[in-house]
Amino acid sequence: MKAARSVFQSLIQLRHECRSAHTSSCINAALQKTGKGWNAMKVSDLLDGNERQVLTVRPNETIGMLARMLQRHRIGVMVVSHDGRTAEGIISERDIAYGLAERRGELHLLPVSALMTRRVITCTPDTRLSDVVGLMRQHHIRHVPVVDGGHLAGIVSIRDVMEYRLNEIERRYKSVQHLASLSD
């Protein structure tokens, strides 16, 4: 029992070290509202009641401008969209790094459309979180835009998923700890 407590306490400590205020409040609200387990939790549970602006960049903006936007907002990915409502592509800091290896000095002048991923893997608000993880694994991606009725409704990151899982482990640990204290 001591070894299990040690592992769970380490996980709880990790949760506290890597949480971001917005992501944590979003997941905590979803947990309190739904009380759902991992297999039943939907993307909509994560997004409900939380304004989650999806930052977009136009395909004709330059990579230099994109890099400044990523830095300013402290993010690693942006959805590419002409109108800010539809996903025409997605571009990440990884795309920029790979582009630098190929294009070198001209990179900052290129349009975003030259490096963006055109086949965007998306989910809907009704998609289960466990299915989103499957998409991330299958396609080796860390961000999945949420599309509802053809329009962007949010974005789920691997960090969101990790935060949810750590919250769930902490909640289960506290339940086990409570049961163990009752048997003493």
N, C-alpha and C. Protein backbone atom coordinates (compact mmCIF):
# COMPACT_ATOMS: atom_id res chain seq x y z
N MET A 1 0.83 -1.20 0.00
CA MET A 1 0.00 0.00 0.00
C MET A 1 0.87 1.25 0.00
N LYS A 2 2.02 1.21 0.73
CA LYS A 2 2.90 2.38 0.76
C LYS A 2 3.47 2.69 -0.62
N ALA A 3 3.84 1.63 -1.36
CA ALA A 3 4.39 1.84 -2.70
C ALA A 3 3.34 2.48 -3.61
N ALA A 4 2.10 2.01 -3.53
CA ALA A 4 1.03 2.57 -4.36
C ALA A 4 0.79 4.03 -3.99
N ARG A 5 0.80 4.33 -2.69
CA ARG A 5 0.62 5.73 -2.27
C ARG A 5 1.73 6.61 -2.82
N SER A 6 2.96 6.11 -2.80
CA SER A 6 4.10 6.87 -3.30
C SER A 6 3.94 7.18 -4.78
N VAL A 7 3.51 6.19 -5.57
CA VAL A 7 3.31 6.40 -7.00
C VAL A 7 2.22 7.43 -7.23
N PHE A 8 1.10 7.28 -6.55
CA PHE A 8 0.00 8.23 -6.72
C PHE A 8 0.40 9.63 -6.27
N GLN A 9 1.15 9.73 -5.19
CA GLN A 9 1.59 11.06 -4.74
C GLN A 9 2.52 11.69 -5.75
N SER A 10 3.36 10.88 -6.39
CA SER A 10 4.24 11.41 -7.44
C SER A 10 3.42 11.92 -8.61
N LEU A 11 2.37 11.18 -8.98
CA LEU A 11 1.51 11.62 -10.07
C LEU A 11 0.78 12.92 -9.73
N ILE A 12 0.34 13.01 -8.49
CA ILE A 12 -0.34 14.23 -8.06
C ILE A 12 0.62 15.41 -8.11
N GLN A 13 1.86 15.19 -7.66
CA GLN A 13 2.86 16.25 -7.70
C GLN A 13 3.13 16.67 -9.15
N LEU A 14 3.24 15.68 -10.06
CA LEU A 14 3.44 15.98 -11.47
C LEU A 14 2.30 16.81 -12.01
N ARG A 15 1.07 16.47 -11.62
CA ARG A 15 -0.10 17.22 -12.06
C ARG A 15 0.01 18.68 -11.65
N HIS A 16 0.42 18.91 -10.41
CA HIS A 16 0.52 20.29 -9.93
C HIS A 16 1.64 21.05 -10.64
N GLU A 17 2.71 20.37 -11.01
CA GLU A 17 3.84 21.02 -11.65
C GLU A 17 3.53 21.41 -13.10
N CYS A 18 2.73 20.59 -13.78
CA CYS A 18 2.57 20.83 -15.22
C CYS A 18 1.22 21.41 -15.59
N ARG A 19 0.39 21.76 -14.63
CA ARG A 19 -0.94 22.27 -14.98
C ARG A 19 -0.86 23.74 -15.39
N SER A 20 -1.74 24.08 -16.29
CA SER A 20 -1.90 25.49 -16.63
C SER A 20 -3.27 25.90 -16.11
N ALA A 21 -3.41 27.12 -15.71
CA ALA A 21 -4.65 27.56 -15.06
C ALA A 21 -5.87 27.30 -15.94
N HIS A 22 -5.79 27.67 -17.21
CA HIS A 22 -6.96 27.53 -18.08
C HIS A 22 -7.32 26.06 -18.28
N THR A 23 -6.32 25.24 -18.62
CA THR A 23 -6.59 23.83 -18.88
C THR A 23 -7.12 23.15 -17.64
N SER A 24 -6.54 23.43 -16.50
CA SER A 24 -6.97 22.79 -15.26
C SER A 24 -8.39 23.18 -14.90
N SER A 25 -8.72 24.46 -15.02
CA SER A 25 -10.07 24.88 -14.65
C SER A 25 -11.08 24.26 -15.60
N CYS A 26 -10.73 24.15 -16.86
CA CYS A 26 -11.60 23.54 -17.85
C CYS A 26 -11.87 22.08 -17.50
N ILE A 27 -10.82 21.34 -17.21
CA ILE A 27 -10.97 19.91 -16.91
C ILE A 27 -11.66 19.71 -15.57
N ASN A 28 -11.29 20.49 -14.56
CA ASN A 28 -11.94 20.35 -13.26
C ASN A 28 -13.44 20.61 -13.36
N ALA A 29 -13.82 21.63 -14.13
CA ALA A 29 -15.24 21.92 -14.31
C ALA A 29 -15.94 20.76 -15.00
N ALA A 30 -15.29 20.18 -15.98
CA ALA A 30 -15.88 19.05 -16.68
C ALA A 30 -16.04 17.86 -15.75
N LEU A 31 -15.05 17.59 -14.92
CA LEU A 31 -15.12 16.47 -13.98
C LEU A 31 -16.26 16.66 -12.99
N GLN A 32 -16.38 17.87 -12.45
CA GLN A 32 -17.43 18.13 -11.47
C GLN A 32 -18.80 18.02 -12.12
N LYS A 33 -18.89 18.52 -13.33
CA LYS A 33 -20.19 18.54 -14.00
C LYS A 33 -20.64 17.14 -14.40
N THR A 34 -19.72 16.34 -14.92
CA THR A 34 -20.12 15.06 -15.50
C THR A 34 -19.90 13.88 -14.58
N GLY A 35 -18.83 13.89 -13.81
CA GLY A 35 -18.49 12.73 -13.00
C GLY A 35 -18.22 11.51 -13.88
N LYS A 36 -17.93 11.73 -15.16
CA LYS A 36 -17.74 10.65 -16.11
C LYS A 36 -16.33 10.09 -16.02
N GLY A 37 -16.20 8.85 -16.40
CA GLY A 37 -14.90 8.21 -16.49
C GLY A 37 -14.28 8.48 -17.85
N TRP A 38 -13.09 7.98 -18.02
CA TRP A 38 -12.29 8.23 -19.21
C TRP A 38 -13.03 7.82 -20.49
N ASN A 39 -13.63 6.67 -20.52
CA ASN A 39 -14.27 6.18 -21.75
C ASN A 39 -15.55 6.92 -22.10
N ALA A 40 -16.16 7.60 -21.13
CA ALA A 40 -17.42 8.30 -21.40
C ALA A 40 -17.23 9.80 -21.62
N MET A 41 -16.10 10.33 -21.26
CA MET A 41 -15.85 11.77 -21.37
C MET A 41 -15.80 12.18 -22.84
N LYS A 42 -16.55 13.21 -23.19
CA LYS A 42 -16.58 13.71 -24.56
C LYS A 42 -15.85 15.05 -24.63
N VAL A 43 -15.47 15.40 -25.84
CA VAL A 43 -14.81 16.68 -26.09
C VAL A 43 -15.68 17.83 -25.60
N SER A 44 -16.99 17.72 -25.79
CA SER A 44 -17.91 18.79 -25.36
C SER A 44 -17.83 19.00 -23.85
N ASP A 45 -17.58 17.93 -23.08
CA ASP A 45 -17.44 18.08 -21.63
C ASP A 45 -16.23 18.93 -21.29
N LEU A 46 -15.20 18.82 -22.08
CA LEU A 46 -13.99 19.60 -21.87
C LEU A 46 -14.20 21.06 -22.27
N LEU A 47 -14.99 21.28 -23.31
CA LEU A 47 -15.18 22.64 -23.83
C LEU A 47 -16.33 23.39 -23.17
N ASP A 48 -17.30 22.68 -22.59
CA ASP A 48 -18.49 23.32 -22.01
C ASP A 48 -18.15 24.41 -21.01
N GLY A 49 -18.80 25.55 -21.19
CA GLY A 49 -18.69 26.64 -20.23
C GLY A 49 -17.36 27.36 -20.25
N ASN A 50 -16.50 27.02 -21.17
CA ASN A 50 -15.20 27.67 -21.25
C ASN A 50 -15.01 28.24 -22.64
N GLU A 51 -14.86 29.54 -22.70
CA GLU A 51 -14.57 30.17 -23.98
C GLU A 51 -13.18 29.73 -24.41
N ARG A 52 -13.11 29.04 -25.51
CA ARG A 52 -11.84 28.54 -26.00
C ARG A 52 -11.62 29.09 -27.40
N GLN A 53 -11.06 30.25 -27.46
CA GLN A 53 -10.80 30.87 -28.75
C GLN A 53 -9.75 30.06 -29.50
N VAL A 54 -10.06 29.73 -30.73
CA VAL A 54 -9.11 29.04 -31.58
C VAL A 54 -8.38 30.10 -32.37
N LEU A 55 -7.10 30.21 -32.15
CA LEU A 55 -6.31 31.19 -32.88
C LEU A 55 -6.05 30.68 -34.28
N THR A 56 -6.26 31.53 -35.25
CA THR A 56 -6.06 31.15 -36.65
C THR A 56 -5.09 32.11 -37.32
N VAL A 57 -4.54 31.65 -38.41
CA VAL A 57 -3.66 32.44 -39.24
C VAL A 57 -4.10 32.25 -40.69
N ARG A 58 -4.02 33.30 -41.46
CA ARG A 58 -4.40 33.22 -42.87
C ARG A 58 -3.29 32.53 -43.67
N PRO A 59 -3.67 31.80 -44.71
CA PRO A 59 -2.67 31.06 -45.49
C PRO A 59 -1.64 31.96 -46.19
N ASN A 60 -2.00 33.22 -46.44
CA ASN A 60 -1.07 34.12 -47.13
C ASN A 60 -0.15 34.89 -46.17
N GLU A 61 -0.33 34.74 -44.86
CA GLU A 61 0.60 35.37 -43.90
C GLU A 61 1.97 34.71 -44.04
N THR A 62 3.00 35.42 -43.65
CA THR A 62 4.34 34.85 -43.76
C THR A 62 4.67 33.98 -42.55
N ILE A 63 5.63 33.12 -42.74
CA ILE A 63 6.11 32.27 -41.65
C ILE A 63 6.71 33.15 -40.55
N GLY A 64 7.35 34.25 -40.93
CA GLY A 64 7.89 35.18 -39.94
C GLY A 64 6.80 35.75 -39.05
N MET A 65 5.67 36.15 -39.63
CA MET A 65 4.54 36.67 -38.87
C MET A 65 3.95 35.56 -37.99
N LEU A 66 3.82 34.37 -38.54
CA LEU A 66 3.31 33.23 -37.78
C LEU A 66 4.19 32.97 -36.55
N ALA A 67 5.50 32.97 -36.74
CA ALA A 67 6.41 32.72 -35.63
C ALA A 67 6.24 33.75 -34.52
N ARG A 68 6.04 35.00 -34.91
CA ARG A 68 5.81 36.05 -33.90
C ARG A 68 4.48 35.82 -33.17
N MET A 69 3.45 35.38 -33.89
CA MET A 69 2.15 35.12 -33.26
C MET A 69 2.24 33.94 -32.29
N LEU A 70 2.93 32.88 -32.70
CA LEU A 70 3.11 31.73 -31.81
C LEU A 70 3.84 32.15 -30.54
N GLN A 71 4.87 32.98 -30.70
CA GLN A 71 5.65 33.46 -29.55
C GLN A 71 4.78 34.35 -28.66
N ARG A 72 4.05 35.27 -29.24
CA ARG A 72 3.23 36.20 -28.48
C ARG A 72 2.17 35.47 -27.65
N HIS A 73 1.57 34.46 -28.23
CA HIS A 73 0.50 33.74 -27.55
C HIS A 73 0.99 32.52 -26.76
N ARG A 74 2.29 32.26 -26.87
CA ARG A 74 2.92 31.13 -26.16
C ARG A 74 2.21 29.82 -26.47
N ILE A 75 2.05 29.56 -27.77
CA ILE A 75 1.42 28.35 -28.24
C ILE A 75 2.31 27.69 -29.28
N GLY A 76 1.99 26.47 -29.67
CA GLY A 76 2.82 25.74 -30.61
C GLY A 76 2.15 25.39 -31.92
N VAL A 77 0.87 25.79 -32.07
CA VAL A 77 0.14 25.43 -33.27
C VAL A 77 -0.95 26.47 -33.55
N MET A 78 -1.25 26.64 -34.82
CA MET A 78 -2.37 27.50 -35.22
C MET A 78 -3.11 26.83 -36.37
N VAL A 79 -4.40 27.02 -36.36
CA VAL A 79 -5.24 26.54 -37.47
C VAL A 79 -5.12 27.58 -38.58
N VAL A 80 -5.01 27.11 -39.81
CA VAL A 80 -4.92 27.99 -40.98
C VAL A 80 -6.32 28.15 -41.55
N SER A 81 -6.74 29.41 -41.70
CA SER A 81 -8.11 29.69 -42.13
C SER A 81 -8.19 31.07 -42.79
N HIS A 82 -8.89 31.13 -43.90
CA HIS A 82 -9.15 32.43 -44.54
C HIS A 82 -10.12 33.28 -43.72
N ASP A 83 -11.12 32.62 -43.12
CA ASP A 83 -12.19 33.35 -42.46
C ASP A 83 -12.21 33.24 -40.93
N GLY A 84 -11.31 32.47 -40.35
CA GLY A 84 -11.27 32.31 -38.90
C GLY A 84 -12.32 31.35 -38.37
N ARG A 85 -13.09 30.73 -39.26
CA ARG A 85 -14.15 29.82 -38.82
C ARG A 85 -14.01 28.41 -39.36
N THR A 86 -13.27 28.24 -40.44
CA THR A 86 -13.09 26.92 -41.05
C THR A 86 -11.61 26.54 -41.02
N ALA A 87 -11.35 25.25 -41.00
CA ALA A 87 -9.97 24.76 -40.96
C ALA A 87 -9.53 24.33 -42.35
N GLU A 88 -8.63 25.11 -42.94
CA GLU A 88 -8.09 24.78 -44.26
C GLU A 88 -6.75 24.08 -44.13
N GLY A 89 -6.16 24.21 -42.96
CA GLY A 89 -4.87 23.60 -42.70
C GLY A 89 -4.51 23.80 -41.24
N ILE A 90 -3.36 23.28 -40.86
CA ILE A 90 -2.84 23.48 -39.52
C ILE A 90 -1.33 23.57 -39.64
N ILE A 91 -0.73 24.40 -38.80
CA ILE A 91 0.73 24.58 -38.86
C ILE A 91 1.27 24.66 -37.44
N SER A 92 2.39 23.98 -37.24
CA SER A 92 2.98 23.92 -35.90
C SER A 92 4.42 24.38 -35.93
N GLU A 93 4.96 24.54 -34.73
CA GLU A 93 6.37 24.91 -34.62
C GLU A 93 7.26 23.83 -35.25
N ARG A 94 6.79 22.60 -35.23
CA ARG A 94 7.54 21.50 -35.85
C ARG A 94 7.62 21.72 -37.36
N ASP A 95 6.51 22.16 -37.97
CA ASP A 95 6.52 22.44 -39.41
C ASP A 95 7.55 23.52 -39.75
N ILE A 96 7.64 24.52 -38.88
CA ILE A 96 8.61 25.60 -39.10
C ILE A 96 10.03 25.06 -38.99
N ALA A 97 10.28 24.22 -37.99
CA ALA A 97 11.63 23.65 -37.81
C ALA A 97 12.02 22.81 -39.02
N TYR A 98 11.10 21.99 -39.51
CA TYR A 98 11.40 21.17 -40.70
C TYR A 98 11.61 22.06 -41.91
N GLY A 99 10.81 23.12 -42.03
CA GLY A 99 10.96 24.05 -43.14
C GLY A 99 12.31 24.75 -43.11
N LEU A 100 12.79 25.05 -41.92
CA LEU A 100 14.10 25.70 -41.77
C LEU A 100 15.20 24.79 -42.31
N ALA A 101 15.09 23.51 -42.04
CA ALA A 101 16.09 22.56 -42.52
C ALA A 101 16.14 22.53 -44.04
N GLU A 102 15.00 22.71 -44.69
CA GLU A 102 14.93 22.65 -46.15
C GLU A 102 15.16 23.99 -46.83
N ARG A 103 14.65 25.07 -46.25
CA ARG A 103 14.60 26.36 -46.97
C ARG A 103 15.58 27.40 -46.44
N ARG A 104 16.08 27.24 -45.28
CA ARG A 104 17.04 28.11 -44.62
C ARG A 104 16.65 29.59 -44.62
N GLY A 105 17.43 30.45 -45.22
CA GLY A 105 17.28 31.89 -45.12
C GLY A 105 15.98 32.48 -45.63
N GLU A 106 15.34 31.85 -46.57
CA GLU A 106 14.11 32.39 -47.15
C GLU A 106 12.87 32.03 -46.34
N LEU A 107 13.02 31.22 -45.33
CA LEU A 107 11.88 30.68 -44.60
C LEU A 107 10.92 31.76 -44.11
N HIS A 108 11.42 32.81 -43.49
CA HIS A 108 10.54 33.82 -42.89
C HIS A 108 9.69 34.56 -43.91
N LEU A 109 10.05 34.50 -45.18
CA LEU A 109 9.29 35.18 -46.23
C LEU A 109 8.23 34.31 -46.88
N LEU A 110 8.29 33.00 -46.64
CA LEU A 110 7.34 32.07 -47.25
C LEU A 110 5.93 32.27 -46.69
N PRO A 111 4.91 32.00 -47.50
CA PRO A 111 3.54 32.04 -46.96
C PRO A 111 3.30 30.79 -46.11
N VAL A 112 2.42 30.92 -45.15
CA VAL A 112 2.05 29.81 -44.28
C VAL A 112 1.59 28.62 -45.11
N SER A 113 0.90 28.88 -46.20
CA SER A 113 0.37 27.81 -47.05
C SER A 113 1.47 26.90 -47.60
N ALA A 114 2.71 27.40 -47.67
CA ALA A 114 3.82 26.59 -48.20
C ALA A 114 4.24 25.49 -47.23
N LEU A 115 4.00 25.66 -45.94
CA LEU A 115 4.43 24.68 -44.94
C LEU A 115 3.29 23.99 -44.20
N MET A 116 2.08 24.52 -44.32
CA MET A 116 0.98 23.98 -43.52
C MET A 116 0.64 22.55 -43.92
N THR A 117 0.06 21.83 -42.97
CA THR A 117 -0.49 20.51 -43.24
C THR A 117 -1.91 20.74 -43.75
N ARG A 118 -2.17 20.25 -44.94
CA ARG A 118 -3.47 20.51 -45.57
C ARG A 118 -4.55 19.52 -45.13
N ARG A 119 -4.15 18.33 -44.76
CA ARG A 119 -5.13 17.32 -44.32
C ARG A 119 -5.25 17.44 -42.79
N VAL A 120 -6.25 18.18 -42.37
CA VAL A 120 -6.43 18.45 -40.94
C VAL A 120 -7.28 17.33 -40.32
N ILE A 121 -6.74 16.73 -39.28
CA ILE A 121 -7.47 15.70 -38.52
C ILE A 121 -8.30 16.45 -37.49
N THR A 122 -9.61 16.28 -37.53
CA THR A 122 -10.51 17.00 -36.62
C THR A 122 -11.38 16.01 -35.84
N CYS A 123 -12.06 16.55 -34.85
CA CYS A 123 -13.06 15.80 -34.11
C CYS A 123 -14.27 16.69 -33.94
N THR A 124 -15.33 16.15 -33.36
CA THR A 124 -16.53 16.93 -33.09
C THR A 124 -16.71 17.02 -31.57
N PRO A 125 -17.60 17.86 -31.11
CA PRO A 125 -17.86 17.93 -29.67
C PRO A 125 -18.35 16.60 -29.09
N ASP A 126 -18.94 15.74 -29.93
CA ASP A 126 -19.46 14.46 -29.45
C ASP A 126 -18.41 13.35 -29.45
N THR A 127 -17.22 13.62 -29.93
CA THR A 127 -16.17 12.60 -29.95
C THR A 127 -15.69 12.32 -28.53
N ARG A 128 -15.52 11.03 -28.21
CA ARG A 128 -14.99 10.67 -26.89
C ARG A 128 -13.52 11.04 -26.81
N LEU A 129 -13.08 11.47 -25.63
CA LEU A 129 -11.67 11.83 -25.45
C LEU A 129 -10.76 10.67 -25.75
N SER A 130 -11.16 9.47 -25.39
CA SER A 130 -10.32 8.30 -25.67
C SER A 130 -10.15 8.12 -27.18
N ASP A 131 -11.15 8.49 -27.96
CA ASP A 131 -11.03 8.42 -29.42
C ASP A 131 -10.10 9.50 -29.96
N VAL A 132 -10.11 10.66 -29.32
CA VAL A 132 -9.19 11.74 -29.71
C VAL A 132 -7.75 11.28 -29.48
N VAL A 133 -7.50 10.61 -28.36
CA VAL A 133 -6.16 10.07 -28.10
C VAL A 133 -5.78 9.08 -29.19
N GLY A 134 -6.74 8.26 -29.60
CA GLY A 134 -6.48 7.31 -30.70
C GLY A 134 -6.08 8.03 -31.98
N LEU A 135 -6.76 9.14 -32.29
CA LEU A 135 -6.40 9.94 -33.47
C LEU A 135 -4.99 10.50 -33.34
N MET A 136 -4.68 10.99 -32.15
CA MET A 136 -3.34 11.56 -31.93
C MET A 136 -2.27 10.51 -32.13
N ARG A 137 -2.50 9.33 -31.60
CA ARG A 137 -1.52 8.24 -31.75
C ARG A 137 -1.41 7.81 -33.21
N GLN A 138 -2.54 7.58 -33.83
CA GLN A 138 -2.57 7.08 -35.20
C GLN A 138 -1.87 8.04 -36.17
N HIS A 139 -2.08 9.33 -35.98
CA HIS A 139 -1.56 10.33 -36.94
C HIS A 139 -0.31 11.06 -36.42
N HIS A 140 0.17 10.69 -35.24
CA HIS A 140 1.36 11.32 -34.65
C HIS A 140 1.22 12.84 -34.56
N ILE A 141 0.11 13.26 -33.95
CA ILE A 141 -0.17 14.69 -33.80
C ILE A 141 -0.44 15.01 -32.33
N ARG A 142 -0.34 16.28 -31.98
CA ARG A 142 -0.54 16.71 -30.59
C ARG A 142 -1.72 17.65 -30.42
N HIS A 143 -2.34 18.07 -31.51
CA HIS A 143 -3.47 19.00 -31.46
C HIS A 143 -4.55 18.55 -32.44
N VAL A 144 -5.80 18.56 -31.98
CA VAL A 144 -6.92 18.18 -32.83
C VAL A 144 -7.98 19.29 -32.75
N PRO A 145 -8.18 20.01 -33.85
CA PRO A 145 -9.24 21.02 -33.86
C PRO A 145 -10.62 20.37 -33.73
N VAL A 146 -11.50 21.07 -33.04
CA VAL A 146 -12.88 20.62 -32.85
C VAL A 146 -13.75 21.39 -33.83
N VAL A 147 -14.50 20.66 -34.65
CA VAL A 147 -15.35 21.28 -35.66
C VAL A 147 -16.80 20.90 -35.36
N ASP A 148 -17.65 21.92 -35.30
CA ASP A 148 -19.08 21.71 -35.02
C ASP A 148 -19.87 22.42 -36.10
N GLY A 149 -20.61 21.67 -36.89
CA GLY A 149 -21.40 22.27 -37.97
C GLY A 149 -20.54 22.96 -39.01
N GLY A 150 -19.35 22.43 -39.26
CA GLY A 150 -18.46 23.01 -40.26
C GLY A 150 -17.63 24.19 -39.78
N HIS A 151 -17.80 24.58 -38.50
CA HIS A 151 -17.06 25.72 -37.96
C HIS A 151 -16.18 25.30 -36.78
N LEU A 152 -15.07 25.99 -36.62
CA LEU A 152 -14.16 25.72 -35.50
C LEU A 152 -14.87 26.01 -34.18
N ALA A 153 -14.77 25.05 -33.25
CA ALA A 153 -15.41 25.21 -31.94
C ALA A 153 -14.40 25.12 -30.80
N GLY A 154 -13.17 24.77 -31.11
CA GLY A 154 -12.14 24.62 -30.07
C GLY A 154 -10.98 23.82 -30.61
N ILE A 155 -10.09 23.47 -29.71
CA ILE A 155 -8.95 22.63 -30.07
C ILE A 155 -8.58 21.83 -28.82
N VAL A 156 -8.29 20.55 -29.02
CA VAL A 156 -7.89 19.68 -27.92
C VAL A 156 -6.42 19.35 -28.12
N SER A 157 -5.63 19.55 -27.07
CA SER A 157 -4.20 19.25 -27.15
C SER A 157 -3.87 18.04 -26.30
N ILE A 158 -2.72 17.49 -26.51
CA ILE A 158 -2.26 16.37 -25.69
C ILE A 158 -2.17 16.81 -24.23
N ARG A 159 -1.89 18.09 -24.00
CA ARG A 159 -1.84 18.61 -22.63
C ARG A 159 -3.22 18.55 -21.97
N ASP A 160 -4.26 18.89 -22.72
CA ASP A 160 -5.62 18.78 -22.19
C ASP A 160 -5.91 17.35 -21.75
N VAL A 161 -5.53 16.41 -22.60
CA VAL A 161 -5.78 15.00 -22.31
C VAL A 161 -4.97 14.56 -21.09
N MET A 162 -3.71 14.96 -21.04
CA MET A 162 -2.86 14.60 -19.91
C MET A 162 -3.42 15.17 -18.60
N GLU A 163 -3.86 16.41 -18.63
CA GLU A 163 -4.44 17.03 -17.44
C GLU A 163 -5.68 16.28 -16.97
N TYR A 164 -6.52 15.89 -17.93
CA TYR A 164 -7.71 15.14 -17.56
C TYR A 164 -7.34 13.82 -16.90
N ARG A 165 -6.41 13.10 -17.52
CA ARG A 165 -6.00 11.80 -16.98
C ARG A 165 -5.39 11.96 -15.58
N LEU A 166 -4.57 12.95 -15.38
CA LEU A 166 -3.97 13.17 -14.06
C LEU A 166 -5.02 13.53 -13.03
N ASN A 167 -6.00 14.33 -13.41
CA ASN A 167 -7.11 14.65 -12.51
C ASN A 167 -7.88 13.39 -12.13
N GLU A 168 -8.10 12.54 -13.11
CA GLU A 168 -8.83 11.30 -12.86
C GLU A 168 -8.05 10.40 -11.90
N ILE A 169 -6.75 10.28 -12.11
CA ILE A 169 -5.92 9.46 -11.22
C ILE A 169 -5.93 10.03 -9.81
N GLU A 170 -5.83 11.34 -9.69
CA GLU A 170 -5.86 11.97 -8.37
C GLU A 170 -7.20 11.72 -7.68
N ARG A 171 -8.28 11.85 -8.43
CA ARG A 171 -9.61 11.63 -7.87
C ARG A 171 -9.75 10.19 -7.40
N ARG A 172 -9.27 9.25 -8.19
CA ARG A 172 -9.34 7.84 -7.81
C ARG A 172 -8.46 7.54 -6.60
N TYR A 173 -7.29 8.15 -6.58
CA TYR A 173 -6.40 7.95 -5.43
C TYR A 173 -7.06 8.44 -4.15
N LYS A 174 -7.69 9.60 -4.22
CA LYS A 174 -8.36 10.14 -3.03
C LYS A 174 -9.50 9.23 -2.59
N SER A 175 -10.21 8.63 -3.54
CA SER A 175 -11.27 7.69 -3.18
C SER A 175 -10.70 6.45 -2.50
N VAL A 176 -9.61 5.92 -3.05
CA VAL A 176 -8.96 4.75 -2.44
C VAL A 176 -8.42 5.10 -1.07
N GLN A 177 -7.83 6.28 -0.96
CA GLN A 177 -7.30 6.73 0.33
C GLN A 177 -8.42 6.85 1.36
N HIS A 178 -9.56 7.38 0.94
CA HIS A 178 -10.71 7.51 1.84
C HIS A 178 -11.21 6.13 2.27
N LEU A 179 -11.31 5.20 1.33
CA LEU A 179 -11.75 3.84 1.68
C LEU A 179 -10.77 3.16 2.62
N ALA A 180 -9.47 3.38 2.37
CA ALA A 180 -8.45 2.78 3.23
C ALA A 180 -8.54 3.34 4.65
N SER A 181 -8.85 4.63 4.77
CA SER A 181 -8.95 5.24 6.11
C SER A 181 -10.18 4.70 6.86
N LEU A 182 -11.22 4.34 6.13
CA LEU A 182 -12.41 3.77 6.76
C LEU A 182 -12.16 2.37 7.30
N SER A 183 -11.23 1.64 6.65
CA SER A 183 -10.97 0.26 7.09
C SER A 183 -9.97 0.20 8.24
N ASP A 184 -9.35 1.32 8.57
CA ASP A 184 -8.37 1.34 9.69
C ASP A 184 -9.01 1.27 11.03
